[in-house]
Amino acid sequence: MIHKNSTIELFIKLLKAPSITPNDGGLLDLIANELPQFKAERIDVNGVKNLLLTRSWGDGVHLAFAGHVDVVPSGIGWESEPFEPTIKGDKIFARGAQD
């Protein structure tokens, strides 16, 4: 189970990865390693990398994650480096933080 501090640490690791489309920035492997209790299956099609994480309990109870780790280029206007998370008050700012 992920606790608050380790959740924030994981979030910061995810935000630091330069995962600009189509590059995953190593995040699919990182996520699979962070969630060993899930079955990880890589499904790469036509240069697009995918990771399917699933977990089953008993009869018919299943859980699957769907999402993305890539971002579009950061553009201009940043007050800090886009892939260096900055904490201001109770908010974390970085490229992909609101995804």
PDB file of N, CA and C in Angstrom:
ATOM      1  N   MET A   1       0.844  -1.188   0.000  1.00  0.00           N
ATOM      2  CA  MET A   1       0.000   0.000   0.000  1.00  0.00           C
ATOM      3  C   MET A   1       0.885   1.245   0.000  1.00  0.00           C
ATOM      4  N   ILE A   2       0.545   2.204  -0.823  1.00  0.00           N
ATOM      5  CA  ILE A   2       1.327   3.433  -0.903  1.00  0.00           C
ATOM      6  C   ILE A   2       0.825   4.406   0.146  1.00  0.00           C
ATOM      7  N   HIS A   3       1.734   4.951   0.933  1.00  0.00           N
ATOM      8  CA  HIS A   3       1.390   5.937   1.950  1.00  0.00           C
ATOM      9  C   HIS A   3       1.627   7.335   1.401  1.00  0.00           C
ATOM     10  N   LYS A   4       1.117   8.339   2.096  1.00  0.00           N
ATOM     11  CA  LYS A   4       1.169   9.716   1.603  1.00  0.00           C
ATOM     12  C   LYS A   4       2.569  10.135   1.171  1.00  0.00           C
ATOM     13  N   ASN A   5       3.568   9.961   2.011  1.00  0.00           N
ATOM     14  CA  ASN A   5       4.912  10.404   1.642  1.00  0.00           C
ATOM     15  C   ASN A   5       5.442   9.650   0.432  1.00  0.00           C
ATOM     16  N   SER A   6       5.223   8.332   0.391  1.00  0.00           N
ATOM     17  CA  SER A   6       5.723   7.580  -0.757  1.00  0.00           C
ATOM     18  C   SER A   6       4.907   7.893  -2.013  1.00  0.00           C
ATOM     19  N   THR A   7       3.649   8.285  -1.855  1.00  0.00           N
ATOM     20  CA  THR A   7       2.846   8.692  -3.005  1.00  0.00           C
ATOM     21  C   THR A   7       3.413   9.965  -3.611  1.00  0.00           C
ATOM     22  N   ILE A   8       3.760  10.921  -2.784  1.00  0.00           N
ATOM     23  CA  ILE A   8       4.348  12.174  -3.271  1.00  0.00           C
ATOM     24  C   ILE A   8       5.708  11.895  -3.898  1.00  0.00           C
ATOM     25  N   GLU A   9       6.508  11.028  -3.283  1.00  0.00           N
ATOM     26  CA  GLU A   9       7.815  10.680  -3.848  1.00  0.00           C
ATOM     27  C   GLU A   9       7.657  10.048  -5.226  1.00  0.00           C
ATOM     28  N   LEU A  10       6.691   9.148  -5.368  1.00  0.00           N
ATOM     29  CA  LEU A  10       6.442   8.517  -6.664  1.00  0.00           C
ATOM     30  C   LEU A  10       5.963   9.555  -7.676  1.00  0.00           C
ATOM     31  N   PHE A  11       5.074  10.436  -7.263  1.00  0.00           N
ATOM     32  CA  PHE A  11       4.570  11.495  -8.141  1.00  0.00           C
ATOM     33  C   PHE A  11       5.726  12.352  -8.659  1.00  0.00           C
ATOM     34  N   ILE A  12       6.643  12.701  -7.787  1.00  0.00           N
ATOM     35  CA  ILE A  12       7.794  13.514  -8.184  1.00  0.00           C
ATOM     36  C   ILE A  12       8.688  12.753  -9.158  1.00  0.00           C
ATOM     37  N   LYS A  13       8.892  11.450  -8.931  1.00  0.00           N
ATOM     38  CA  LYS A  13       9.670  10.639  -9.883  1.00  0.00           C
ATOM     39  C   LYS A  13       9.011  10.656 -11.264  1.00  0.00           C
ATOM     40  N   LEU A  14       7.687  10.527 -11.279  1.00  0.00           N
ATOM     41  CA  LEU A  14       6.962  10.520 -12.552  1.00  0.00           C
ATOM     42  C   LEU A  14       7.104  11.857 -13.275  1.00  0.00           C
ATOM     43  N   LEU A  15       7.035  12.942 -12.522  1.00  0.00           N
ATOM     44  CA  LEU A  15       7.112  14.272 -13.117  1.00  0.00           C
ATOM     45  C   LEU A  15       8.509  14.607 -13.634  1.00  0.00           C
ATOM     46  N   LYS A  16       9.533  14.005 -13.059  1.00  0.00           N
ATOM     47  CA  LYS A  16      10.910  14.289 -13.474  1.00  0.00           C
ATOM     48  C   LYS A  16      11.277  13.649 -14.812  1.00  0.00           C
ATOM     49  N   ALA A  17      10.551  12.646 -15.227  1.00  0.00           N
ATOM     50  CA  ALA A  17      10.894  11.924 -16.457  1.00  0.00           C
ATOM     51  C   ALA A  17      10.511  12.734 -17.688  1.00  0.00           C
ATOM     52  N   PRO A  18      11.452  12.966 -18.584  1.00  0.00           N
ATOM     53  CA  PRO A  18      11.139  13.682 -19.820  1.00  0.00           C
ATOM     54  C   PRO A  18      10.410  12.759 -20.800  1.00  0.00           C
ATOM     55  N   SER A  19       9.130  12.591 -20.567  1.00  0.00           N
ATOM     56  CA  SER A  19       8.334  11.626 -21.334  1.00  0.00           C
ATOM     57  C   SER A  19       7.556  12.307 -22.456  1.00  0.00           C
ATOM     58  N   ILE A  20       8.273  13.035 -23.284  1.00  0.00           N
ATOM     59  CA  ILE A  20       7.636  13.762 -24.388  1.00  0.00           C
ATOM     60  C   ILE A  20       7.289  12.777 -25.501  1.00  0.00           C
ATOM     61  N   THR A  21       6.062  12.795 -25.939  1.00  0.00           N
ATOM     62  CA  THR A  21       5.543  11.875 -26.948  1.00  0.00           C
ATOM     63  C   THR A  21       6.523  11.737 -28.113  1.00  0.00           C
ATOM     64  N   PRO A  22       6.888  10.531 -28.539  1.00  0.00           N
ATOM     65  CA  PRO A  22       6.399   9.215 -28.149  1.00  0.00           C
ATOM     66  C   PRO A  22       7.275   8.521 -27.092  1.00  0.00           C
ATOM     67  N   ASN A  23       8.197   9.235 -26.478  1.00  0.00           N
ATOM     68  CA  ASN A  23       9.117   8.662 -25.503  1.00  0.00           C
ATOM     69  C   ASN A  23       8.426   8.500 -24.150  1.00  0.00           C
ATOM     70  N   ASP A  24       8.544   7.337 -23.530  1.00  0.00           N
ATOM     71  CA  ASP A  24       7.927   7.132 -22.213  1.00  0.00           C
ATOM     72  C   ASP A  24       8.860   7.540 -21.077  1.00  0.00           C
ATOM     73  N   GLY A  25      10.094   7.930 -21.392  1.00  0.00           N
ATOM     74  CA  GLY A  25      11.030   8.388 -20.364  1.00  0.00           C
ATOM     75  C   GLY A  25      11.367   7.329 -19.321  1.00  0.00           C
ATOM     76  N   GLY A  26      11.148   6.061 -19.647  1.00  0.00           N
ATOM     77  CA  GLY A  26      11.410   4.983 -18.696  1.00  0.00           C
ATOM     78  C   GLY A  26      10.301   4.785 -17.671  1.00  0.00           C
ATOM     79  N   LEU A  27       9.204   5.522 -17.816  1.00  0.00           N
ATOM     80  CA  LEU A  27       8.148   5.479 -16.810  1.00  0.00           C
ATOM     81  C   LEU A  27       7.372   4.167 -16.766  1.00  0.00           C
ATOM     82  N   LEU A  28       7.209   3.514 -17.904  1.00  0.00           N
ATOM     83  CA  LEU A  28       6.453   2.259 -17.874  1.00  0.00           C
ATOM     84  C   LEU A  28       7.173   1.215 -17.026  1.00  0.00           C
ATOM     85  N   ASP A  29       8.490   1.141 -17.158  1.00  0.00           N
ATOM     86  CA  ASP A  29       9.268   0.212 -16.319  1.00  0.00           C
ATOM     87  C   ASP A  29       9.221   0.648 -14.858  1.00  0.00           C
ATOM     88  N   LEU A  30       9.335   1.938 -14.596  1.00  0.00           N
ATOM     89  CA  LEU A  30       9.280   2.449 -13.232  1.00  0.00           C
ATOM     90  C   LEU A  30       7.954   2.091 -12.566  1.00  0.00           C
ATOM     91  N   ILE A  31       6.860   2.301 -13.282  1.00  0.00           N
ATOM     92  CA  ILE A  31       5.535   1.998 -12.728  1.00  0.00           C
ATOM     93  C   ILE A  31       5.390   0.512 -12.460  1.00  0.00           C
ATOM     94  N   ALA A  32       5.810  -0.320 -13.394  1.00  0.00           N
ATOM     95  CA  ALA A  32       5.728  -1.774 -13.191  1.00  0.00           C
ATOM     96  C   ALA A  32       6.538  -2.198 -11.972  1.00  0.00           C
ATOM     97  N   ASN A  33       7.713  -1.601 -11.772  1.00  0.00           N
ATOM     98  CA  ASN A  33       8.548  -1.933 -10.617  1.00  0.00           C
ATOM     99  C   ASN A  33       7.964  -1.419  -9.308  1.00  0.00           C
ATOM    100  N   GLU A  34       7.270  -0.283  -9.343  1.00  0.00           N
ATOM    101  CA  GLU A  34       6.671   0.291  -8.138  1.00  0.00           C
ATOM    102  C   GLU A  34       5.418  -0.460  -7.687  1.00  0.00           C
ATOM    103  N   LEU A  35       4.802  -1.211  -8.590  1.00  0.00           N
ATOM    104  CA  LEU A  35       3.559  -1.921  -8.285  1.00  0.00           C
ATOM    105  C   LEU A  35       3.706  -3.420  -8.537  1.00  0.00           C
ATOM    106  N   PRO A  36       4.597  -4.070  -7.790  1.00  0.00           N
ATOM    107  CA  PRO A  36       4.867  -5.490  -8.053  1.00  0.00           C
ATOM    108  C   PRO A  36       3.686  -6.413  -7.766  1.00  0.00           C
ATOM    109  N   GLN A  37       2.692  -5.940  -7.032  1.00  0.00           N
ATOM    110  CA  GLN A  37       1.532  -6.775  -6.733  1.00  0.00           C
ATOM    111  C   GLN A  37       0.578  -6.893  -7.928  1.00  0.00           C
ATOM    112  N   PHE A  38       0.853  -6.130  -8.982  1.00  0.00           N
ATOM    113  CA  PHE A  38       0.051  -6.194 -10.197  1.00  0.00           C
ATOM    114  C   PHE A  38       0.792  -6.974 -11.276  1.00  0.00           C
ATOM    115  N   LYS A  39       0.039  -7.655 -12.123  1.00  0.00           N
ATOM    116  CA  LYS A  39       0.620  -8.338 -13.278  1.00  0.00           C
ATOM    117  C   LYS A  39       0.874  -7.269 -14.341  1.00  0.00           C
ATOM    118  N   ALA A  40       2.101  -7.168 -14.783  1.00  0.00           N
ATOM    119  CA  ALA A  40       2.469  -6.174 -15.791  1.00  0.00           C
ATOM    120  C   ALA A  40       2.666  -6.857 -17.134  1.00  0.00           C
ATOM    121  N   GLU A  41       2.013  -6.318 -18.152  1.00  0.00           N
ATOM    122  CA  GLU A  41       2.146  -6.851 -19.499  1.00  0.00           C
ATOM    123  C   GLU A  41       2.445  -5.699 -20.452  1.00  0.00           C
ATOM    124  N   ARG A  42       3.547  -5.818 -21.192  1.00  0.00           N
ATOM    125  CA  ARG A  42       3.900  -4.794 -22.187  1.00  0.00           C
ATOM    126  C   ARG A  42       3.229  -5.143 -23.503  1.00  0.00           C
ATOM    127  N   ILE A  43       2.587  -4.164 -24.093  1.00  0.00           N
ATOM    128  CA  ILE A  43       1.948  -4.315 -25.396  1.00  0.00           C
ATOM    129  C   ILE A  43       2.404  -3.138 -26.245  1.00  0.00           C
ATOM    130  N   ASP A  44       3.442  -3.355 -27.041  1.00  0.00           N
ATOM    131  CA  ASP A  44       3.990  -2.292 -27.875  1.00  0.00           C
ATOM    132  C   ASP A  44       3.528  -2.514 -29.314  1.00  0.00           C
ATOM    133  N   VAL A  45       2.889  -1.494 -29.890  1.00  0.00           N
ATOM    134  CA  VAL A  45       2.321  -1.607 -31.224  1.00  0.00           C
ATOM    135  C   VAL A  45       2.742  -0.402 -32.065  1.00  0.00           C
ATOM    136  N   ASN A  46       3.358  -0.664 -33.198  1.00  0.00           N
ATOM    137  CA  ASN A  46       3.745   0.391 -34.141  1.00  0.00           C
ATOM    138  C   ASN A  46       4.516   1.530 -33.477  1.00  0.00           C
ATOM    139  N   GLY A  47       5.452   1.192 -32.612  1.00  0.00           N
ATOM    140  CA  GLY A  47       6.274   2.194 -31.951  1.00  0.00           C
ATOM    141  C   GLY A  47       5.643   2.847 -30.741  1.00  0.00           C
ATOM    142  N   VAL A  48       4.403   2.505 -30.433  1.00  0.00           N
ATOM    143  CA  VAL A  48       3.724   3.048 -29.258  1.00  0.00           C
ATOM    144  C   VAL A  48       3.850   2.038 -28.129  1.00  0.00           C
ATOM    145  N   LYS A  49       4.435   2.499 -27.013  1.00  0.00           N
ATOM    146  CA  LYS A  49       4.656   1.625 -25.861  1.00  0.00           C
ATOM    147  C   LYS A  49       3.435   1.660 -24.944  1.00  0.00           C
ATOM    148  N   ASN A  50       3.018   0.480 -24.501  1.00  0.00           N
ATOM    149  CA  ASN A  50       1.870   0.369 -23.616  1.00  0.00           C
ATOM    150  C   ASN A  50       2.196  -0.578 -22.473  1.00  0.00           C
ATOM    151  N   LEU A  51       1.611  -0.323 -21.330  1.00  0.00           N
ATOM    152  CA  LEU A  51       1.754  -1.181 -20.158  1.00  0.00           C
ATOM    153  C   LEU A  51       0.366  -1.416 -19.597  1.00  0.00           C
ATOM    154  N   LEU A  52       0.012  -2.672 -19.444  1.00  0.00           N
ATOM    155  CA  LEU A  52      -1.266  -3.044 -18.860  1.00  0.00           C
ATOM    156  C   LEU A  52      -0.984  -3.650 -17.494  1.00  0.00           C
ATOM    157  N   LEU A  53      -1.560  -3.065 -16.457  1.00  0.00           N
ATOM    158  CA  LEU A  53      -1.414  -3.580 -15.096  1.00  0.00           C
ATOM    159  C   LEU A  53      -2.759  -4.113 -14.644  1.00  0.00           C
ATOM    160  N   THR A  54      -2.777  -5.356 -14.204  1.00  0.00           N
ATOM    161  CA  THR A  54      -4.030  -5.950 -13.742  1.00  0.00           C
ATOM    162  C   THR A  54      -3.808  -6.681 -12.426  1.00  0.00           C
ATOM    163  N   ARG A  55      -4.899  -6.831 -11.709  1.00  0.00           N
ATOM    164  CA  ARG A  55      -4.873  -7.591 -10.467  1.00  0.00           C
ATOM    165  C   ARG A  55      -6.259  -8.192 -10.276  1.00  0.00           C
ATOM    166  N   SER A  56      -6.298  -9.431  -9.819  1.00  0.00           N
ATOM    167  CA  SER A  56      -7.563 -10.129  -9.592  1.00  0.00           C
ATOM    168  C   SER A  56      -7.643 -10.614  -8.160  1.00  0.00           C
ATOM    169  N   TRP A  57      -8.851 -10.598  -7.632  1.00  0.00           N
ATOM    170  CA  TRP A  57      -9.121 -11.143  -6.303  1.00  0.00           C
ATOM    171  C   TRP A  57     -10.296 -12.094  -6.431  1.00  0.00           C
ATOM    172  N   GLY A  58     -10.092 -13.326  -5.998  1.00  0.00           N
ATOM    173  CA  GLY A  58     -11.192 -14.287  -5.968  1.00  0.00           C
ATOM    174  C   GLY A  58     -11.906 -14.425  -7.297  1.00  0.00           C
ATOM    175  N   ASP A  59     -13.212 -14.623  -7.203  1.00  0.00           N
ATOM    176  CA  ASP A  59     -14.034 -14.854  -8.392  1.00  0.00           C
ATOM    177  C   ASP A  59     -14.569 -13.556  -8.977  1.00  0.00           C
ATOM    178  N   GLY A  60     -14.017 -13.153 -10.106  1.00  0.00           N
ATOM    179  CA  GLY A  60     -14.599 -12.076 -10.870  1.00  0.00           C
ATOM    180  C   GLY A  60     -14.322 -10.654 -10.413  1.00  0.00           C
ATOM    181  N   VAL A  61     -13.502 -10.442  -9.391  1.00  0.00           N
ATOM    182  CA  VAL A  61     -13.172  -9.079  -8.983  1.00  0.00           C
ATOM    183  C   VAL A  61     -11.823  -8.728  -9.600  1.00  0.00           C
ATOM    184  N   HIS A  62     -11.820  -7.735 -10.492  1.00  0.00           N
ATOM    185  CA  HIS A  62     -10.615  -7.391 -11.231  1.00  0.00           C
ATOM    186  C   HIS A  62     -10.381  -5.875 -11.187  1.00  0.00           C
ATOM    187  N   LEU A  63      -9.145  -5.506 -11.342  1.00  0.00           N
ATOM    188  CA  LEU A  63      -8.779  -4.099 -11.395  1.00  0.00           C
ATOM    189  C   LEU A  63      -7.752  -3.922 -12.500  1.00  0.00           C
ATOM    190  N   ALA A  64      -7.932  -2.885 -13.323  1.00  0.00           N
ATOM    191  CA  ALA A  64      -6.967  -2.565 -14.379  1.00  0.00           C
ATOM    192  C   ALA A  64      -6.750  -1.057 -14.386  1.00  0.00           C
ATOM    193  N   PHE A  65      -5.533  -0.630 -14.692  1.00  0.00           N
ATOM    194  CA  PHE A  65      -5.201   0.782 -14.795  1.00  0.00           C
ATOM    195  C   PHE A  65      -5.146   1.178 -16.268  1.00  0.00           C
ATOM    196  N   ALA A  66      -5.676   2.347 -16.581  1.00  0.00           N
ATOM    197  CA  ALA A  66      -5.551   2.904 -17.925  1.00  0.00           C
ATOM    198  C   ALA A  66      -5.163   4.371 -17.770  1.00  0.00           C
ATOM    199  N   GLY A  67      -4.201   4.806 -18.540  1.00  0.00           N
ATOM    200  CA  GLY A  67      -3.764   6.188 -18.477  1.00  0.00           C
ATOM    201  C   GLY A  67      -2.635   6.403 -19.453  1.00  0.00           C
ATOM    202  N   HIS A  68      -1.935   7.504 -19.321  1.00  0.00           N
ATOM    203  CA  HIS A  68      -0.799   7.756 -20.196  1.00  0.00           C
ATOM    204  C   HIS A  68       0.303   8.440 -19.398  1.00  0.00           C
ATOM    205  N   VAL A  69       1.530   8.282 -19.875  1.00  0.00           N
ATOM    206  CA  VAL A  69       2.678   8.894 -19.194  1.00  0.00           C
ATOM    207  C   VAL A  69       3.357   9.939 -20.066  1.00  0.00           C
ATOM    208  N   ASP A  70       2.932  10.053 -21.321  1.00  0.00           N
ATOM    209  CA  ASP A  70       3.597  11.004 -22.212  1.00  0.00           C
ATOM    210  C   ASP A  70       2.946  12.384 -22.107  1.00  0.00           C
ATOM    211  N   VAL A  71       3.734  13.397 -22.438  1.00  0.00           N
ATOM    212  CA  VAL A  71       3.252  14.776 -22.453  1.00  0.00           C
ATOM    213  C   VAL A  71       3.679  15.430 -23.770  1.00  0.00           C
ATOM    214  N   VAL A  72       3.004  16.488 -24.130  1.00  0.00           N
ATOM    215  CA  VAL A  72       3.441  17.269 -25.288  1.00  0.00           C
ATOM    216  C   VAL A  72       4.594  18.160 -24.837  1.00  0.00           C
ATOM    217  N   PRO A  73       5.390  18.676 -25.768  1.00  0.00           N
ATOM    218  CA  PRO A  73       6.495  19.552 -25.369  1.00  0.00           C
ATOM    219  C   PRO A  73       6.001  20.702 -24.480  1.00  0.00           C
ATOM    220  N   SER A  74       6.854  21.140 -23.576  1.00  0.00           N
ATOM    221  CA  SER A  74       6.459  22.084 -22.531  1.00  0.00           C
ATOM    222  C   SER A  74       6.191  23.497 -23.015  1.00  0.00           C
ATOM    223  N   GLY A  75       6.749  23.898 -24.126  1.00  0.00           N
ATOM    224  CA  GLY A  75       6.510  25.252 -24.612  1.00  0.00           C
ATOM    225  C   GLY A  75       7.226  26.298 -23.772  1.00  0.00           C
ATOM    226  N   ILE A  76       6.774  27.548 -23.871  1.00  0.00           N
ATOM    227  CA  ILE A  76       7.435  28.650 -23.168  1.00  0.00           C
ATOM    228  C   ILE A  76       6.560  29.155 -22.022  1.00  0.00           C
ATOM    229  N   GLY A  77       7.157  29.982 -21.168  1.00  0.00           N
ATOM    230  CA  GLY A  77       6.395  30.620 -20.108  1.00  0.00           C
ATOM    231  C   GLY A  77       6.518  29.964 -18.741  1.00  0.00           C
ATOM    232  N   TRP A  78       7.408  29.006 -18.610  1.00  0.00           N
ATOM    233  CA  TRP A  78       7.589  28.327 -17.328  1.00  0.00           C
ATOM    234  C   TRP A  78       8.408  29.200 -16.381  1.00  0.00           C
ATOM    235  N   GLU A  79       8.023  29.231 -15.113  1.00  0.00           N
ATOM    236  CA  GLU A  79       8.790  29.947 -14.087  1.00  0.00           C
ATOM    237  C   GLU A  79       9.911  29.084 -13.523  1.00  0.00           C
ATOM    238  N   SER A  80       9.855  27.786 -13.812  1.00  0.00           N
ATOM    239  CA  SER A  80      10.885  26.836 -13.371  1.00  0.00           C
ATOM    240  C   SER A  80      11.059  25.805 -14.476  1.00  0.00           C
ATOM    241  N   GLU A  81      12.049  24.932 -14.324  1.00  0.00           N
ATOM    242  CA  GLU A  81      12.275  23.882 -15.316  1.00  0.00           C
ATOM    243  C   GLU A  81      11.063  22.944 -15.343  1.00  0.00           C
ATOM    244  N   PRO A  82      10.489  22.666 -16.522  1.00  0.00           N
ATOM    245  CA  PRO A  82       9.275  21.855 -16.612  1.00  0.00           C
ATOM    246  C   PRO A  82       9.397  20.446 -16.020  1.00  0.00           C
ATOM    247  N   PHE A  83      10.589  19.838 -16.104  1.00  0.00           N
ATOM    248  CA  PHE A  83      10.758  18.474 -15.583  1.00  0.00           C
ATOM    249  C   PHE A  83      11.499  18.456 -14.252  1.00  0.00           C
ATOM    250  N   GLU A  84      11.499  19.570 -13.553  1.00  0.00           N
ATOM    251  CA  GLU A  84      12.047  19.636 -12.191  1.00  0.00           C
ATOM    252  C   GLU A  84      10.921  20.125 -11.286  1.00  0.00           C
ATOM    253  N   PRO A  85      10.190  19.189 -10.666  1.00  0.00           N
ATOM    254  CA  PRO A  85       9.038  19.564  -9.855  1.00  0.00           C
ATOM    255  C   PRO A  85       9.393  20.601  -8.783  1.00  0.00           C
ATOM    256  N   THR A  86       8.517  21.589  -8.660  1.00  0.00           N
ATOM    257  CA  THR A  86       8.680  22.658  -7.689  1.00  0.00           C
ATOM    258  C   THR A  86       7.472  22.655  -6.768  1.00  0.00           C
ATOM    259  N   ILE A  87       7.711  22.668  -5.473  1.00  0.00           N
ATOM    260  CA  ILE A  87       6.629  22.693  -4.499  1.00  0.00           C
ATOM    261  C   ILE A  87       6.446  24.133  -4.031  1.00  0.00           C
ATOM    262  N   LYS A  88       5.219  24.635  -4.181  1.00  0.00           N
ATOM    263  CA  LYS A  88       4.856  25.972  -3.714  1.00  0.00           C
ATOM    264  C   LYS A  88       3.611  25.810  -2.852  1.00  0.00           C
ATOM    265  N   GLY A  89       3.791  26.014  -1.545  1.00  0.00           N
ATOM    266  CA  GLY A  89       2.669  25.794  -0.635  1.00  0.00           C
ATOM    267  C   GLY A  89       2.295  24.330  -0.633  1.00  0.00           C
ATOM    268  N   ASP A  90       1.038  24.040  -0.938  1.00  0.00           N
ATOM    269  CA  ASP A  90       0.591  22.640  -0.971  1.00  0.00           C
ATOM    270  C   ASP A  90       0.388  22.145  -2.406  1.00  0.00           C
ATOM    271  N   LYS A  91       1.057  22.800  -3.366  1.00  0.00           N
ATOM    272  CA  LYS A  91       0.937  22.409  -4.774  1.00  0.00           C
ATOM    273  C   LYS A  91       2.299  22.036  -5.338  1.00  0.00           C
ATOM    274  N   ILE A  92       2.280  21.090  -6.289  1.00  0.00           N
ATOM    275  CA  ILE A  92       3.492  20.683  -7.001  1.00  0.00           C
ATOM    276  C   ILE A  92       3.327  21.105  -8.453  1.00  0.00           C
ATOM    277  N   PHE A  93       4.310  21.857  -8.973  1.00  0.00           N
ATOM    278  CA  PHE A  93       4.274  22.339 -10.346  1.00  0.00           C
ATOM    279  C   PHE A  93       5.353  21.626 -11.154  1.00  0.00           C
ATOM    280  N   ALA A  94       4.962  21.087 -12.313  1.00  0.00           N
ATOM    281  CA  ALA A  94       5.886  20.455 -13.257  1.00  0.00           C
ATOM    282  C   ALA A  94       5.086  20.067 -14.495  1.00  0.00           C
ATOM    283  N   ARG A  95       5.808  19.776 -15.567  1.00  0.00           N
ATOM    284  CA  ARG A  95       5.138  19.332 -16.795  1.00  0.00           C
ATOM    285  C   ARG A  95       4.436  18.026 -16.521  1.00  0.00           C
ATOM    286  N   GLY A  96       3.131  17.958 -16.809  1.00  0.00           N
ATOM    287  CA  GLY A  96       2.350  16.746 -16.606  1.00  0.00           C
ATOM    288  C   GLY A  96       1.679  16.654 -15.255  1.00  0.00           C
ATOM    289  N   ALA A  97       1.892  17.626 -14.363  1.00  0.00           N
ATOM    290  CA  ALA A  97       1.346  17.546 -13.005  1.00  0.00           C
ATOM    291  C   ALA A  97      -0.178  17.543 -12.981  1.00  0.00           C
ATOM    292  N   GLN A  98      -0.824  18.174 -13.926  1.00  0.00           N
ATOM    293  CA  GLN A  98      -2.283  18.208 -13.901  1.00  0.00           C
ATOM    294  C   GLN A  98      -2.911  17.113 -14.748  1.00  0.00           C
ATOM    295  N   ASP A  99      -2.093  16.327 -15.423  1.00  0.00           N
ATOM    296  CA  ASP A  99      -2.627  15.188 -16.182  1.00  0.00           C
ATOM    297  C   ASP A  99      -3.036  14.137 -15.192  1.00  0.00           C
TER     298      ASP A  99
END
